[in-house]
Amino acid sequence: MRLKFFAATLALVLLAGSAEAMSVDAFLTTARAVPQNPTALLRPDARRLIGEFRGAMRTVRQEQAAAKAAGRSTTCIPDEVRLSPNDILARFGAIPAGRRSISVTQAVREWMTERYPCA
């Protein structure tokens, strides 16, 4: 029984990972529905948001590495970046409503470019 549950969960994670990129608007809408309590991390929606943000950061870091290798880096993100959920929600919430259709990855890309420009 556990093996079937694990296989089904893995299949859902893989399908979710291959789905279309989440928009900032969808991210904020989903985040508002997650309760602000210690059990929030147990909710699938919260885990999906965490995965979405981590995936966006991973993509932006990969882009930075490729740009650096090509000699045209615009961001210099440090190895360790600490952002709280409130930091993320505040930043995404500050994006004008008309631009919230951009992907989470694009929002992170713009944020990191602004926050960690290369000297």
Protein backbone atom coordinates (compact mmCIF):
# COMPACT_ATOMS: atom_id res chain seq x y z
CA MET A 1 0.00 0.00 0.00
CA ARG A 2 2.80 2.42 0.88
CA LEU A 3 4.56 1.66 -2.39
CA LYS A 4 1.41 2.53 -4.36
CA PHE A 5 1.00 5.77 -2.39
CA PHE A 6 4.65 6.67 -3.00
CA ALA A 7 4.36 5.91 -6.72
CA ALA A 8 1.20 7.98 -7.04
CA THR A 9 2.77 10.88 -5.15
CA LEU A 10 5.91 10.73 -7.28
CA ALA A 11 3.81 10.72 -10.45
CA LEU A 12 1.91 13.80 -9.28
CA VAL A 13 5.12 15.63 -8.44
CA LEU A 14 6.61 14.82 -11.82
CA LEU A 15 3.46 15.94 -13.60
CA ALA A 16 3.31 19.13 -11.59
CA GLY A 17 6.96 19.81 -12.37
CA SER A 18 6.37 19.51 -16.09
CA ALA A 19 3.30 21.72 -16.06
CA GLU A 20 3.26 25.26 -17.37
CA ALA A 21 5.08 27.85 -15.27
CA MET A 22 3.01 29.43 -12.53
CA SER A 23 2.20 33.12 -12.84
CA VAL A 24 2.81 35.56 -10.00
CA ASP A 25 -0.94 36.10 -9.79
CA ALA A 26 -1.59 32.36 -9.39
CA PHE A 27 1.24 32.15 -6.85
CA LEU A 28 -0.27 34.96 -4.74
CA THR A 29 -3.79 33.54 -5.03
CA THR A 30 -2.60 30.12 -3.88
CA ALA A 31 -0.49 31.63 -1.09
CA ARG A 32 -3.47 33.56 0.30
CA ALA A 33 -5.38 30.30 0.66
CA VAL A 34 -2.63 28.66 2.74
CA PRO A 35 -3.20 29.18 6.47
CA GLN A 36 -0.54 31.06 8.40
CA ASN A 37 0.20 28.39 11.01
CA PRO A 38 2.80 25.69 11.71
CA THR A 39 0.86 23.03 9.79
CA ALA A 40 0.99 25.04 6.56
CA LEU A 41 4.05 23.13 5.36
CA LEU A 42 2.03 19.94 5.39
CA ARG A 43 -0.38 21.30 2.79
CA PRO A 44 0.22 20.32 -0.85
CA ASP A 45 -0.39 23.91 -1.99
CA ALA A 46 2.36 25.20 0.31
CA ARG A 47 4.78 22.54 -0.90
CA ARG A 48 3.93 23.43 -4.51
CA LEU A 49 4.66 27.12 -3.85
CA ILE A 50 7.97 26.24 -2.22
CA GLY A 51 8.85 24.02 -5.18
CA GLU A 52 7.86 26.71 -7.65
CA PHE A 53 10.02 29.33 -5.96
CA ARG A 54 12.99 26.98 -5.56
CA GLY A 55 12.70 25.98 -9.21
CA ALA A 56 12.67 29.64 -10.24
CA MET A 57 15.77 30.33 -8.15
CA ARG A 58 17.51 27.28 -9.62
CA THR A 59 16.71 28.47 -13.15
CA VAL A 60 17.96 31.99 -12.47
CA ARG A 61 21.17 30.63 -10.93
CA GLN A 62 21.71 28.39 -13.97
CA GLU A 63 21.18 31.37 -16.26
CA GLN A 64 23.69 33.35 -14.18
CA ALA A 65 26.27 30.57 -14.47
CA ALA A 66 25.78 30.35 -18.24
CA ALA A 67 26.02 34.13 -18.64
CA LYS A 68 29.14 34.24 -16.48
CA ALA A 69 30.74 31.50 -18.59
CA ALA A 70 29.93 33.54 -21.70
CA GLY A 71 31.40 36.68 -20.11
CA ARG A 72 28.17 38.66 -19.92
CA SER A 73 26.81 38.20 -16.41
CA THR A 74 24.27 40.75 -15.18
CA THR A 75 23.54 39.19 -11.79
CA CYS A 76 25.90 38.12 -9.03
CA ILE A 77 23.66 36.15 -6.69
CA PRO A 78 25.62 34.97 -3.65
CA ASP A 79 25.78 31.27 -2.82
CA GLU A 80 23.41 31.72 0.10
CA VAL A 81 20.30 33.88 -0.17
CA ARG A 82 17.91 33.92 2.76
CA LEU A 83 14.36 34.97 1.95
CA SER A 84 11.39 34.51 4.23
CA PRO A 85 7.93 33.70 2.91
CA ASN A 86 6.95 37.24 3.91
CA ASP A 87 9.81 38.66 1.81
CA ILE A 88 8.64 36.69 -1.21
CA LEU A 89 4.98 37.59 -0.77
CA ALA A 90 5.81 41.26 -0.21
CA ARG A 91 7.95 41.39 -3.35
CA PHE A 92 5.40 39.57 -5.50
CA GLY A 93 2.60 41.66 -4.00
CA ALA A 94 4.47 44.83 -4.98
CA ILE A 95 4.32 43.84 -8.65
CA PRO A 96 1.57 45.93 -10.26
CA ALA A 97 -1.62 43.94 -10.91
CA GLY A 98 -1.26 44.46 -14.66
CA ARG A 99 2.14 42.69 -14.66
CA ARG A 100 1.26 39.75 -12.43
CA SER A 101 0.74 37.50 -15.42
CA ILE A 102 4.54 37.08 -15.64
CA SER A 103 5.95 33.79 -14.47
CA VAL A 104 7.41 33.30 -11.02
CA THR A 105 10.74 32.67 -12.75
CA GLN A 106 10.59 36.04 -14.53
CA ALA A 107 9.67 37.79 -11.27
CA VAL A 108 12.61 36.13 -9.48
CA ARG A 109 14.92 36.98 -12.40
CA GLU A 110 13.96 40.67 -12.18
CA TRP A 111 14.23 40.66 -8.38
CA MET A 112 17.68 39.08 -8.31
CA THR A 113 18.92 41.37 -11.08
CA GLU A 114 17.82 44.37 -9.02
CA ARG A 115 19.01 43.01 -5.67
CA TYR A 116 22.34 41.47 -6.74
CA PRO A 117 23.73 43.34 -9.75
CA CYS A 118 27.33 42.67 -10.71
CA ALA A 119 29.75 45.49 -9.88
